[in-house]
PDB file of N, CA and C in Angstrom:
ATOM      1  N   UNK A   1      84.502 110.998  83.569  1.00  0.00           N
ATOM      2  CA  UNK A   1      84.727 109.578  83.649  1.00  0.00           C
ATOM      3  C   UNK A   1      83.511 108.916  84.299  1.00  0.00           C
ATOM      4  N   UNK A   2      83.081 107.827  83.709  1.00  0.00           N
ATOM      5  CA  UNK A   2      82.012 107.016  84.293  1.00  0.00           C
ATOM      6  C   UNK A   2      82.665 105.831  85.000  1.00  0.00           C
ATOM      7  N   UNK A   3      82.318 105.605  86.258  1.00  0.00           N
ATOM      8  CA  UNK A   3      82.890 104.503  87.032  1.00  0.00           C
ATOM      9  C   UNK A   3      81.763 103.602  87.513  1.00  0.00           C
ATOM     10  N   UNK A   4      81.924 102.310  87.315  1.00  0.00           N
ATOM     11  CA  UNK A   4      80.990 101.315  87.848  1.00  0.00           C
ATOM     12  C   UNK A   4      81.784 100.377  88.747  1.00  0.00           C
ATOM     13  N   UNK A   5      81.214 100.057  89.881  1.00  0.00           N
ATOM     14  CA  UNK A   5      81.830  99.138  90.823  1.00  0.00           C
ATOM     15  C   UNK A   5      80.839  98.011  91.061  1.00  0.00           C
ATOM     16  N   UNK A   6      81.292  96.778  90.881  1.00  0.00           N
ATOM     17  CA  UNK A   6      80.369  95.668  91.060  1.00  0.00           C
ATOM     18  C   UNK A   6      81.082  94.360  91.295  1.00  0.00           C
ATOM     19  N   UNK A   7      80.336  93.406  91.772  1.00  0.00           N
ATOM     20  CA  UNK A   7      80.861  92.060  91.954  1.00  0.00           C
ATOM     21  C   UNK A   7      81.105  91.391  90.614  1.00  0.00           C
ATOM     22  N   UNK A   8      81.659  90.205  90.682  1.00  0.00           N
ATOM     23  CA  UNK A   8      82.048  89.493  89.469  1.00  0.00           C
ATOM     24  C   UNK A   8      80.879  89.284  88.508  1.00  0.00           C
ATOM     25  N   UNK A   9      79.755  88.846  89.032  1.00  0.00           N
ATOM     26  CA  UNK A   9      78.609  88.545  88.174  1.00  0.00           C
ATOM     27  C   UNK A   9      78.074  89.804  87.489  1.00  0.00           C
ATOM     28  N   UNK A  10      77.874  90.869  88.246  1.00  0.00           N
ATOM     29  CA  UNK A  10      77.375  92.122  87.661  1.00  0.00           C
ATOM     30  C   UNK A  10      78.361  92.675  86.644  1.00  0.00           C
ATOM     31  N   UNK A  11      79.646  92.615  86.954  1.00  0.00           N
ATOM     32  CA  UNK A  11      80.662  93.112  86.013  1.00  0.00           C
ATOM     33  C   UNK A  11      80.687  92.275  84.742  1.00  0.00           C
ATOM     34  N   UNK A  12      80.541  90.965  84.888  1.00  0.00           N
ATOM     35  CA  UNK A  12      80.516  90.080  83.713  1.00  0.00           C
ATOM     36  C   UNK A  12      79.344  90.406  82.805  1.00  0.00           C
ATOM     37  N   UNK A  13      78.164  90.636  83.411  1.00  0.00           N
ATOM     38  CA  UNK A  13      76.986  90.989  82.608  1.00  0.00           C
ATOM     39  C   UNK A  13      77.208  92.307  81.870  1.00  0.00           C
ATOM     40  N   UNK A  14      77.819  93.287  82.542  1.00  0.00           N
ATOM     41  CA  UNK A  14      78.076  94.575  81.903  1.00  0.00           C
ATOM     42  C   UNK A  14      79.039  94.418  80.731  1.00  0.00           C
ATOM     43  N   UNK A  15      80.118  93.686  80.932  1.00  0.00           N
ATOM     44  CA  UNK A  15      81.085  93.479  79.847  1.00  0.00           C
ATOM     45  C   UNK A  15      80.472  92.692  78.693  1.00  0.00           C
ATOM     46  N   UNK A  16      79.593  91.772  79.003  1.00  0.00           N
ATOM     47  CA  UNK A  16      78.921  90.995  77.970  1.00  0.00           C
ATOM     48  C   UNK A  16      77.956  91.867  77.168  1.00  0.00           C
ATOM     49  N   UNK A  17      77.249  92.759  77.872  1.00  0.00           N
ATOM     50  CA  UNK A  17      76.271  93.653  77.245  1.00  0.00           C
ATOM     51  C   UNK A  17      76.944  94.751  76.424  1.00  0.00           C
ATOM     52  N   UNK A  18      78.108  95.226  76.919  1.00  0.00           N
ATOM     53  CA  UNK A  18      78.799  96.337  76.271  1.00  0.00           C
ATOM     54  C   UNK A  18      80.270  95.983  76.030  1.00  0.00           C
ATOM     55  N   UNK A  19      80.532  94.993  75.170  1.00  0.00           N
ATOM     56  CA  UNK A  19      81.918  94.566  74.967  1.00  0.00           C
ATOM     57  C   UNK A  19      82.785  95.684  74.388  1.00  0.00           C
ATOM     58  N   UNK A  20      84.013  95.696  74.815  1.00  0.00           N
ATOM     59  CA  UNK A  20      85.063  96.654  74.407  1.00  0.00           C
ATOM     60  C   UNK A  20      84.713  98.117  74.695  1.00  0.00           C
ATOM     61  N   UNK A  21      83.768  98.356  75.593  1.00  0.00           N
ATOM     62  CA  UNK A  21      83.413  99.723  75.960  1.00  0.00           C
ATOM     63  C   UNK A  21      84.031 100.143  77.291  1.00  0.00           C
ATOM     64  N   UNK A  22      84.423  99.170  78.112  1.00  0.00           N
ATOM     65  CA  UNK A  22      84.870  99.441  79.475  1.00  0.00           C
ATOM     66  C   UNK A  22      86.317  99.038  79.683  1.00  0.00           C
ATOM     67  N   UNK A  23      87.056  99.867  80.419  1.00  0.00           N
ATOM     68  CA  UNK A  23      88.373  99.524  80.937  1.00  0.00           C
ATOM     69  C   UNK A  23      88.103  98.883  82.294  1.00  0.00           C
ATOM     70  N   UNK A  24      88.784  97.780  82.605  1.00  0.00           N
ATOM     71  CA  UNK A  24      88.452  97.026  83.815  1.00  0.00           C
ATOM     72  C   UNK A  24      89.646  96.867  84.745  1.00  0.00           C
ATOM     73  N   UNK A  25      89.385  97.115  86.019  1.00  0.00           N
ATOM     74  CA  UNK A  25      90.317  96.762  87.090  1.00  0.00           C
ATOM     75  C   UNK A  25      89.654  95.612  87.834  1.00  0.00           C
ATOM     76  N   UNK A  26      90.336  94.483  87.861  1.00  0.00           N
ATOM     77  CA  UNK A  26      89.780  93.281  88.485  1.00  0.00           C
ATOM     78  C   UNK A  26      90.697  92.833  89.614  1.00  0.00           C
ATOM     79  N   UNK A  27      90.143  92.729  90.804  1.00  0.00           N
ATOM     80  CA  UNK A  27      90.898  92.259  91.955  1.00  0.00           C
ATOM     81  C   UNK A  27      90.714  90.758  92.081  1.00  0.00           C
ATOM     82  N   UNK A  28      91.832  90.051  92.147  1.00  0.00           N
ATOM     83  CA  UNK A  28      91.822  88.597  92.250  1.00  0.00           C
ATOM     84  C   UNK A  28      92.650  88.144  93.446  1.00  0.00           C
ATOM     85  N   UNK A  29      92.225  87.057  94.092  1.00  0.00           N
ATOM     86  CA  UNK A  29      93.073  86.442  95.103  1.00  0.00           C
ATOM     87  C   UNK A  29      94.390  86.047  94.448  1.00  0.00           C
ATOM     88  N   UNK A  30      95.461  86.069  95.215  1.00  0.00           N
ATOM     89  CA  UNK A  30      96.785  85.820  94.645  1.00  0.00           C
ATOM     90  C   UNK A  30      96.911  84.448  93.997  1.00  0.00           C
ATOM     91  N   UNK A  31      96.175  83.463  94.463  1.00  0.00           N
ATOM     92  CA  UNK A  31      96.266  82.119  93.902  1.00  0.00           C
ATOM     93  C   UNK A  31      95.270  81.823  92.796  1.00  0.00           C
ATOM     94  N   UNK A  32      94.408  82.769  92.480  1.00  0.00           N
ATOM     95  CA  UNK A  32      93.344  82.562  91.486  1.00  0.00           C
ATOM     96  C   UNK A  32      93.859  82.860  90.082  1.00  0.00           C
ATOM     97  N   UNK A  33      93.562  81.991  89.137  1.00  0.00           N
ATOM     98  CA  UNK A  33      93.963  82.212  87.755  1.00  0.00           C
ATOM     99  C   UNK A  33      92.848  82.955  87.024  1.00  0.00           C
ATOM    100  N   UNK A  34      93.191  84.014  86.287  1.00  0.00           N
ATOM    101  CA  UNK A  34      92.165  84.741  85.540  1.00  0.00           C
ATOM    102  C   UNK A  34      91.700  83.935  84.326  1.00  0.00           C
ATOM    103  N   UNK A  35      90.463  84.148  83.949  1.00  0.00           N
ATOM    104  CA  UNK A  35      89.958  83.549  82.715  1.00  0.00           C
ATOM    105  C   UNK A  35      90.250  84.519  81.572  1.00  0.00           C
ATOM    106  N   UNK A  36      89.989  84.111  80.368  1.00  0.00           N
ATOM    107  CA  UNK A  36      90.212  85.010  79.229  1.00  0.00           C
ATOM    108  C   UNK A  36      89.010  85.914  78.954  1.00  0.00           C
ATOM    109  N   UNK A  37      87.955  85.815  79.770  1.00  0.00           N
ATOM    110  CA  UNK A  37      86.751  86.602  79.546  1.00  0.00           C
ATOM    111  C   UNK A  37      87.019  88.100  79.607  1.00  0.00           C
ATOM    112  N   UNK A  38      87.707  88.564  80.628  1.00  0.00           N
ATOM    113  CA  UNK A  38      87.982  90.004  80.764  1.00  0.00           C
ATOM    114  C   UNK A  38      88.841  90.481  79.604  1.00  0.00           C
ATOM    115  N   UNK A  39      89.871  89.727  79.277  1.00  0.00           N
ATOM    116  CA  UNK A  39      90.750  90.113  78.170  1.00  0.00           C
ATOM    117  C   UNK A  39      89.980  90.232  76.851  1.00  0.00           C
ATOM    118  N   UNK A  40      88.985  89.375  76.658  1.00  0.00           N
ATOM    119  CA  UNK A  40      88.263  89.377  75.385  1.00  0.00           C
ATOM    120  C   UNK A  40      87.107  90.366  75.341  1.00  0.00           C
ATOM    121  N   UNK A  41      86.649  90.873  76.497  1.00  0.00           N
ATOM    122  CA  UNK A  41      85.481  91.761  76.484  1.00  0.00           C
ATOM    123  C   UNK A  41      85.765  93.184  76.956  1.00  0.00           C
ATOM    124  N   UNK A  42      86.851  93.399  77.675  1.00  0.00           N
ATOM    125  CA  UNK A  42      87.172  94.747  78.157  1.00  0.00           C
ATOM    126  C   UNK A  42      88.007  95.481  77.107  1.00  0.00           C
ATOM    127  N   UNK A  43      87.881  96.784  77.108  1.00  0.00           N
ATOM    128  CA  UNK A  43      88.686  97.620  76.212  1.00  0.00           C
ATOM    129  C   UNK A  43      90.162  97.511  76.589  1.00  0.00           C
ATOM    130  N   UNK A  44      90.446  97.519  77.885  1.00  0.00           N
ATOM    131  CA  UNK A  44      91.757  97.231  78.448  1.00  0.00           C
ATOM    132  C   UNK A  44      91.524  96.762  79.874  1.00  0.00           C
ATOM    133  N   UNK A  45      92.519  96.167  80.480  1.00  0.00           N
ATOM    134  CA  UNK A  45      92.305  95.631  81.823  1.00  0.00           C
ATOM    135  C   UNK A  45      93.595  95.641  82.629  1.00  0.00           C
ATOM    136  N   UNK A  46      93.424  95.578  83.948  1.00  0.00           N
ATOM    137  CA  UNK A  46      94.530  95.455  84.890  1.00  0.00           C
ATOM    138  C   UNK A  46      94.052  94.545  86.002  1.00  0.00           C
ATOM    139  N   UNK A  47      94.823  93.501  86.285  1.00  0.00           N
ATOM    140  CA  UNK A  47      94.524  92.629  87.415  1.00  0.00           C
ATOM    141  C   UNK A  47      95.313  93.104  88.624  1.00  0.00           C
ATOM    142  N   UNK A  48      94.658  93.181  89.761  1.00  0.00           N
ATOM    143  CA  UNK A  48      95.306  93.452  91.029  1.00  0.00           C
ATOM    144  C   UNK A  48      95.197  92.171  91.835  1.00  0.00           C
ATOM    145  N   UNK A  49      96.338  91.563  92.117  1.00  0.00           N
ATOM    146  CA  UNK A  49      96.335  90.259  92.767  1.00  0.00           C
ATOM    147  C   UNK A  49      96.777  90.390  94.218  1.00  0.00           C
ATOM    148  N   UNK A  50      95.838  90.124  95.127  1.00  0.00           N
ATOM    149  CA  UNK A  50      96.141  90.118  96.554  1.00  0.00           C
ATOM    150  C   UNK A  50      95.046  89.342  97.283  1.00  0.00           C
ATOM    151  N   UNK A  51      95.303  89.051  98.538  1.00  0.00           N
ATOM    152  CA  UNK A  51      94.343  88.314  99.355  1.00  0.00           C
ATOM    153  C   UNK A  51      93.737  89.241 100.403  1.00  0.00           C
ATOM    154  N   UNK A  52      92.547  88.910 100.847  1.00  0.00           N
ATOM    155  CA  UNK A  52      91.870  89.697 101.882  1.00  0.00           C
ATOM    156  C   UNK A  52      92.428  89.314 103.252  1.00  0.00           C
ATOM    157  N   UNK A  53      93.549  89.923 103.608  1.00  0.00           N
ATOM    158  CA  UNK A  53      94.174  89.668 104.908  1.00  0.00           C
ATOM    159  C   UNK A  53      94.548  90.993 105.542  1.00  0.00           C
ATOM    160  N   UNK A  54      94.479  91.043 106.867  1.00  0.00           N
ATOM    161  CA  UNK A  54      94.855  92.266 107.571  1.00  0.00           C
ATOM    162  C   UNK A  54      96.322  92.277 107.953  1.00  0.00           C
ATOM    163  N   UNK A  55      96.888  91.108 108.175  1.00  0.00           N
ATOM    164  CA  UNK A  55      98.318  91.026 108.469  1.00  0.00           C
ATOM    165  C   UNK A  55      98.909  89.913 107.608  1.00  0.00           C
ATOM    166  N   UNK A  56     100.182  90.016 107.277  1.00  0.00           N
ATOM    167  CA  UNK A  56     100.795  88.991 106.422  1.00  0.00           C
ATOM    168  C   UNK A  56     100.683  87.594 107.041  1.00  0.00           C
ATOM    169  N   UNK A  57     100.362  86.633 106.221  1.00  0.00           N
ATOM    170  CA  UNK A  57     100.264  85.234 106.640  1.00  0.00           C
ATOM    171  C   UNK A  57     100.989  84.385 105.613  1.00  0.00           C
ATOM    172  N   UNK A  58     101.328  83.188 106.006  1.00  0.00           N
ATOM    173  CA  UNK A  58     101.996  82.274 105.088  1.00  0.00           C
ATOM    174  C   UNK A  58     101.147  82.080 103.837  1.00  0.00           C
ATOM    175  N   UNK A  59     101.775  82.195 102.685  1.00  0.00           N
ATOM    176  CA  UNK A  59     101.131  81.981 101.379  1.00  0.00           C
ATOM    177  C   UNK A  59     100.005  82.966 101.072  1.00  0.00           C
ATOM    178  N   UNK A  60      99.940  84.078 101.761  1.00  0.00           N
ATOM    179  CA  UNK A  60      98.929  85.095 101.482  1.00  0.00           C
ATOM    180  C   UNK A  60      99.623  86.399 101.106  1.00  0.00           C
ATOM    181  N   UNK A  61      99.075  87.094 100.141  1.00  0.00           N
ATOM    182  CA  UNK A  61      99.635  88.352  99.665  1.00  0.00           C
ATOM    183  C   UNK A  61      98.720  89.493 100.084  1.00  0.00           C
ATOM    184  N   UNK A  62      99.136  90.336 101.037  1.00  0.00           N
ATOM    185  CA  UNK A  62      98.297  91.473 101.418  1.00  0.00           C
ATOM    186  C   UNK A  62      98.346  92.563 100.343  1.00  0.00           C
ATOM    187  N   UNK A  63      97.350  93.437 100.296  1.00  0.00           N
ATOM    188  CA  UNK A  63      97.402  94.558  99.358  1.00  0.00           C
ATOM    189  C   UNK A  63      98.576  95.474  99.717  1.00  0.00           C
ATOM    190  N   UNK A  64      99.124  96.110  98.698  1.00  0.00           N
ATOM    191  CA  UNK A  64     100.263  97.007  98.913  1.00  0.00           C
ATOM    192  C   UNK A  64      99.978  98.377  98.315  1.00  0.00           C
ATOM    193  N   UNK A  65     100.755  99.333  98.735  1.00  0.00           N
ATOM    194  CA  UNK A  65     100.652 100.679  98.168  1.00  0.00           C
ATOM    195  C   UNK A  65     100.957 100.631  96.681  1.00  0.00           C
ATOM    196  N   UNK A  66     101.911  99.804  96.282  1.00  0.00           N
ATOM    197  CA  UNK A  66     102.262  99.682  94.860  1.00  0.00           C
ATOM    198  C   UNK A  66     101.064  99.215  94.021  1.00  0.00           C
ATOM    199  N   UNK A  67     100.256  98.304  94.549  1.00  0.00           N
ATOM    200  CA  UNK A  67      99.068  97.856  93.825  1.00  0.00           C
ATOM    201  C   UNK A  67      98.059  98.988  93.665  1.00  0.00           C
ATOM    202  N   UNK A  68      97.863  99.749  94.718  1.00  0.00           N
ATOM    203  CA  UNK A  68      96.930 100.881  94.660  1.00  0.00           C
ATOM    204  C   UNK A  68      97.439 101.927  93.664  1.00  0.00           C
ATOM    205  N   UNK A  69      98.722 102.194  93.695  1.00  0.00           N
ATOM    206  CA  UNK A  69      99.311 103.143  92.748  1.00  0.00           C
ATOM    207  C   UNK A  69      99.149 102.650  91.311  1.00  0.00           C
ATOM    208  N   UNK A  70      99.341 101.345  91.087  1.00  0.00           N
ATOM    209  CA  UNK A  70      99.171 100.785  89.744  1.00  0.00           C
ATOM    210  C   UNK A  70      97.733 100.954  89.259  1.00  0.00           C
ATOM    211  N   UNK A  71      96.763 100.745  90.152  1.00  0.00           N
ATOM    212  CA  UNK A  71      95.356 100.914  89.781  1.00  0.00           C
ATOM    213  C   UNK A  71      95.047 102.366  89.448  1.00  0.00           C
ATOM    214  N   UNK A  72      95.564 103.288  90.247  1.00  0.00           N
ATOM    215  CA  UNK A  72      95.335 104.714  89.982  1.00  0.00           C
ATOM    216  C   UNK A  72      95.981 105.141  88.673  1.00  0.00           C
ATOM    217  N   UNK A  73      97.176 104.661  88.429  1.00  0.00           N
ATOM    218  CA  UNK A  73      97.859 104.994  87.173  1.00  0.00           C
ATOM    219  C   UNK A  73      97.091 104.439  85.973  1.00  0.00           C
ATOM    220  N   UNK A  74      96.636 103.200  86.083  1.00  0.00           N
ATOM    221  CA  UNK A  74      95.863 102.588  85.003  1.00  0.00           C
ATOM    222  C   UNK A  74      94.590 103.372  84.710  1.00  0.00           C
ATOM    223  N   UNK A  75      93.947 103.887  85.745  1.00  0.00           N
ATOM    224  CA  UNK A  75      92.647 104.551  85.578  1.00  0.00           C
ATOM    225  C   UNK A  75      92.752 105.958  84.979  1.00  0.00           C
ATOM    226  N   UNK A  76      93.940 106.511  84.923  1.00  0.00           N
ATOM    227  CA  UNK A  76      94.113 107.855  84.371  1.00  0.00           C
ATOM    228  C   UNK A  76      93.593 107.926  82.932  1.00  0.00           C
ATOM    229  N   UNK A  77      92.826 108.944  82.657  1.00  0.00           N
ATOM    230  CA  UNK A  77      92.330 109.244  81.297  1.00  0.00           C
ATOM    231  C   UNK A  77      91.419 108.172  80.708  1.00  0.00           C
ATOM    232  N   UNK A  78      90.828 107.335  81.547  1.00  0.00           N
ATOM    233  CA  UNK A  78      89.875 106.343  81.046  1.00  0.00           C
ATOM    234  C   UNK A  78      88.469 106.962  81.050  1.00  0.00           C
ATOM    235  N   UNK A  79      87.709 106.749  80.000  1.00  0.00           N
ATOM    236  CA  UNK A  79      86.365 107.312  79.909  1.00  0.00           C
ATOM    237  C   UNK A  79      85.339 106.472  80.661  1.00  0.00           C
ATOM    238  N   UNK A  80      85.497 105.141  80.624  1.00  0.00           N
ATOM    239  CA  UNK A  80      84.571 104.249  81.315  1.00  0.00           C
ATOM    240  C   UNK A  80      85.414 103.226  82.073  1.00  0.00           C
ATOM    241  N   UNK A  81      85.279 103.228  83.405  1.00  0.00           N
ATOM    242  CA  UNK A  81      86.094 102.350  84.243  1.00  0.00           C
ATOM    243  C   UNK A  81      85.190 101.424  85.064  1.00  0.00           C
ATOM    244  N   UNK A  82      85.454 100.146  84.964  1.00  0.00           N
ATOM    245  CA  UNK A  82      84.748  99.116  85.716  1.00  0.00           C
ATOM    246  C   UNK A  82      85.708  98.548  86.751  1.00  0.00           C
ATOM    247  N   UNK A  83      85.282  98.518  88.007  1.00  0.00           N
ATOM    248  CA  UNK A  83      86.093  97.966  89.090  1.00  0.00           C
ATOM    249  C   UNK A  83      85.319  96.784  89.671  1.00  0.00           C
ATOM    250  N   UNK A  84      85.988  95.634  89.735  1.00  0.00           N
ATOM    251  CA  UNK A  84      85.304  94.419  90.171  1.00  0.00           C
ATOM    252  C   UNK A  84      86.249  93.510  90.955  1.00  0.00           C
ATOM    253  N   UNK A  85      85.651  92.643  91.747  1.00  0.00           N
ATOM    254  CA  UNK A  85      86.442  91.632  92.456  1.00  0.00           C
ATOM    255  C   UNK A  85      85.829  90.263  92.217  1.00  0.00           C
TER     256      UNK A  85
END
């Protein structure tokens, strides 16, 4: 398996350069709406929606074990995996 980890801009350039070649895990803040770019350029994708918080706060979603498990399950048997935030 080939894994690339990068910020939004680097990941966007990779998906643009190599459309439908990469499976993508994209981490988004809980209140952020995804664009259709990942859906149209990734081979498959999974959004992980949470906020960068250490303890629960009003209107903030901390990362959970279930989210990590979902990402690991999604990544199984993928040949090229892109992880981005």
